[in-house]
Amino acid sequence: IIPIFLVHRPANNIPYATVEEELVGEFVKYSVRDGKEVNFLRRDSEAGQKCCTFQHWVYEKTNGSLLVTDLQGVGMKLTDVGIATLAKGYKGFKGNCSISFIEQFRALHQCNKYCEMLGLKSLRTTHQKQRKATSMKSKNLPNSSTIKKTVPKKAREPRDFISSEH
């Protein structure tokens, strides 16, 4: 991730500006903050796969509490990344992206050879197991036509009971 420098310009109407290295080449979004944009370069290019692996590594090392997202740039020179954290933040750090990005990442991430090289745990397997268990529970529930209805016996009248005080 290339550094961004803060420049003080006292003679200017806008006294501060940020400056970063010029990126020359094809600018690619390897991951998008809202998870809606489909980008095959993310999955098919080496830089894209490494970005996805980096996200997976950060996610795993923070126990799913933090995600670096909005990875974009030219080749492996990345700029303007986003951070998503759980609502309470991660170790006091608040992100600039919605926590829903963390759930989207967990649901949509597909491990690649770099994830395997680092020995990262598959997120897909865990998510699919959770979904499968939920669907199995709903399949095992009987539908209304197979539920056996029982009518309780008529409740006894109070006079049928014998009091121990007598």
Protein backbone atom coordinates (compact mmCIF):
# COMPACT_ATOMS: atom_id res chain seq x y z
CA ILE A 1 0.00 0.00 0.00
CA ILE A 2 1.70 3.15 -1.17
CA PRO A 3 2.08 5.95 1.39
CA ILE A 4 0.09 9.14 1.23
CA PHE A 5 1.82 12.31 2.37
CA LEU A 6 0.13 15.32 3.94
CA VAL A 7 1.45 18.60 2.55
CA HIS A 8 0.98 21.96 4.28
CA ARG A 9 0.38 24.83 1.85
CA PRO A 10 -0.12 27.97 4.02
CA ALA A 11 -0.45 30.38 1.06
CA ASN A 12 -3.25 28.37 -0.54
CA ASN A 13 -7.03 28.62 0.09
CA ILE A 14 -6.92 24.94 1.00
CA PRO A 15 -3.91 24.77 3.34
CA TYR A 16 -3.54 20.97 3.34
CA ALA A 17 -3.40 18.41 0.55
CA THR A 18 -2.44 14.78 0.19
CA VAL A 19 0.09 13.58 -2.35
CA GLU A 20 0.96 10.07 -3.40
CA GLU A 21 3.09 8.35 -6.00
CA GLU A 22 1.71 8.49 -9.52
CA LEU A 23 0.37 5.12 -10.58
CA VAL A 24 1.07 4.41 -14.25
CA GLY A 25 -0.73 1.53 -15.93
CA GLU A 26 -4.13 -0.15 -15.75
CA PHE A 27 -5.93 0.79 -12.53
CA VAL A 28 -7.80 -2.23 -11.17
CA LYS A 29 -10.21 -2.67 -8.27
CA TYR A 30 -9.23 -6.02 -6.73
CA SER A 31 -11.84 -5.87 -4.02
CA VAL A 32 -14.70 -3.45 -3.70
CA ARG A 33 -16.04 -2.02 -0.47
CA ASP A 34 -19.62 -3.12 -1.03
CA GLY A 35 -18.83 -6.57 -2.46
CA LYS A 36 -21.31 -6.07 -5.33
CA GLU A 37 -18.95 -5.49 -8.26
CA VAL A 38 -17.76 -8.64 -9.99
CA ASN A 39 -14.17 -8.32 -11.17
CA PHE A 40 -12.52 -11.29 -12.86
CA LEU A 41 -9.06 -9.70 -12.49
CA ARG A 42 -9.50 -10.16 -8.75
CA ARG A 43 -9.81 -13.90 -9.21
CA ASP A 44 -7.67 -14.50 -12.29
CA SER A 45 -4.63 -12.23 -11.87
CA GLU A 46 -1.72 -12.89 -9.53
CA ALA A 47 -2.12 -9.45 -7.94
CA GLY A 48 -5.85 -10.06 -7.46
CA GLN A 49 -5.27 -13.45 -5.85
CA LYS A 50 -2.66 -11.98 -3.52
CA CYS A 51 -5.04 -9.19 -2.51
CA CYS A 52 -7.76 -11.73 -1.71
CA THR A 53 -5.25 -13.79 0.28
CA PHE A 54 -4.16 -10.69 2.20
CA GLN A 55 -7.81 -10.02 3.09
CA HIS A 56 -8.22 -13.63 4.22
CA TRP A 57 -5.02 -13.47 6.32
CA VAL A 58 -6.11 -10.24 8.07
CA TYR A 59 -9.59 -11.68 8.65
CA GLU A 60 -8.18 -14.86 10.18
CA LYS A 61 -5.51 -13.11 12.31
CA THR A 62 -8.15 -10.79 13.82
CA ASN A 63 -10.68 -13.61 14.35
CA GLY A 64 -13.04 -12.02 11.85
CA SER A 65 -13.01 -8.64 13.61
CA LEU A 66 -11.24 -6.62 10.91
CA LEU A 67 -11.11 -6.69 7.13
CA VAL A 68 -8.95 -4.64 4.76
CA THR A 69 -11.11 -3.94 1.75
CA ASP A 70 -11.40 -1.71 -1.31
CA LEU A 71 -7.98 -2.90 -2.50
CA GLN A 72 -7.22 -1.10 -5.76
CA GLY A 73 -4.27 0.14 -7.73
CA VAL A 74 -1.82 -0.75 -10.48
CA GLY A 75 -0.20 -4.16 -10.20
CA MET A 76 0.82 -4.63 -6.58
CA LYS A 77 0.92 -0.88 -5.86
CA LEU A 78 -2.30 -0.32 -3.92
CA THR A 79 -3.94 2.92 -2.85
CA ASP A 80 -6.96 4.22 -0.93
CA VAL A 81 -7.82 1.01 0.93
CA GLY A 82 -10.80 0.71 3.25
CA ILE A 83 -11.11 -0.93 6.65
CA ALA A 84 -14.19 -2.70 8.03
CA THR A 85 -14.42 -3.59 11.72
CA LEU A 86 -17.11 -5.04 13.91
CA ALA A 87 -19.53 -2.47 15.37
CA LYS A 88 -17.48 -2.15 18.55
CA GLY A 89 -14.29 -1.80 16.52
CA TYR A 90 -11.13 -3.85 16.73
CA LYS A 91 -8.72 -3.04 19.56
CA GLY A 92 -10.15 0.49 19.63
CA PHE A 93 -9.78 0.98 15.88
CA LYS A 94 -12.93 2.02 14.01
CA GLY A 95 -13.17 1.22 10.32
CA ASN A 96 -14.45 3.40 7.51
CA CYS A 97 -16.61 0.67 5.90
CA SER A 98 -19.79 -1.09 6.94
CA ILE A 99 -19.48 -4.25 9.03
CA SER A 100 -21.64 -5.99 6.40
CA PHE A 101 -18.48 -6.16 4.24
CA ILE A 102 -17.04 -8.63 6.73
CA GLU A 103 -20.06 -10.93 6.35
CA GLN A 104 -19.99 -10.55 2.56
CA PHE A 105 -16.30 -11.42 2.49
CA ARG A 106 -16.83 -14.51 4.63
CA ALA A 107 -19.69 -15.68 2.39
CA LEU A 108 -18.10 -14.90 -0.98
CA HIS A 109 -14.34 -15.46 -0.55
CA GLN A 110 -12.90 -18.30 -2.59
CA CYS A 111 -9.53 -19.53 -1.39
CA ASN A 112 -6.72 -19.70 -3.93
CA LYS A 113 -3.22 -21.16 -4.07
CA TYR A 114 -1.82 -18.34 -1.90
CA CYS A 115 -4.39 -19.02 0.84
CA GLU A 116 -3.32 -22.66 0.73
CA MET A 117 0.39 -21.72 0.81
CA LEU A 118 -0.20 -19.72 4.00
CA GLY A 119 -2.26 -22.53 5.53
CA LEU A 120 -5.34 -20.33 5.95
CA LYS A 121 -8.56 -22.03 7.01
CA SER A 122 -11.27 -22.24 4.38
CA LEU A 123 -14.07 -19.78 5.06
CA ARG A 124 -16.32 -21.42 2.48
CA THR A 125 -16.43 -24.74 4.34
CA THR A 126 -17.44 -23.10 7.62
CA HIS A 127 -20.08 -20.95 5.93
CA GLN A 128 -21.47 -23.88 3.91
CA LYS A 129 -21.65 -26.09 7.02
CA GLN A 130 -23.63 -23.38 8.83
CA ARG A 131 -25.99 -22.96 5.87
CA LYS A 132 -26.37 -26.74 5.47
CA ALA A 133 -27.21 -27.19 9.15
CA THR A 134 -29.83 -24.45 8.92
CA SER A 135 -31.40 -25.94 5.79
CA MET A 136 -31.37 -29.44 7.33
CA LYS A 137 -33.25 -28.14 10.38
CA SER A 138 -35.92 -26.57 8.20
CA LYS A 139 -36.20 -29.76 6.09
CA ASN A 140 -36.67 -31.91 9.19
CA LEU A 141 -39.56 -29.84 10.47
CA PRO A 142 -42.90 -31.44 9.62
CA ASN A 143 -45.26 -29.46 7.47
CA SER A 144 -48.73 -28.57 8.68
CA SER A 145 -50.41 -31.48 6.88
CA THR A 146 -48.31 -34.07 8.75
CA ILE A 147 -48.60 -32.59 12.23
CA LYS A 148 -50.71 -34.82 14.45
CA LYS A 149 -53.12 -32.65 16.33
CA THR A 150 -54.10 -33.71 19.81
CA VAL A 151 -56.94 -32.26 21.75
CA PRO A 152 -56.36 -32.18 25.49
CA LYS A 153 -58.82 -34.07 27.69
CA LYS A 154 -61.41 -31.95 29.34
CA ALA A 155 -59.89 -30.30 32.38
CA ARG A 156 -61.30 -31.43 35.70
CA GLU A 157 -63.58 -29.14 37.54
CA PRO A 158 -62.19 -27.70 40.80
CA ARG A 159 -64.70 -29.69 42.82
CA ASP A 160 -63.05 -32.93 41.63
CA PHE A 161 -59.87 -32.12 43.55
CA ILE A 162 -59.46 -33.08 47.22
CA SER A 163 -57.86 -30.51 49.40
CA SER A 164 -55.27 -31.66 51.93
CA GLU A 165 -56.55 -29.10 54.45
CA HIS A 166 -59.82 -31.03 55.09
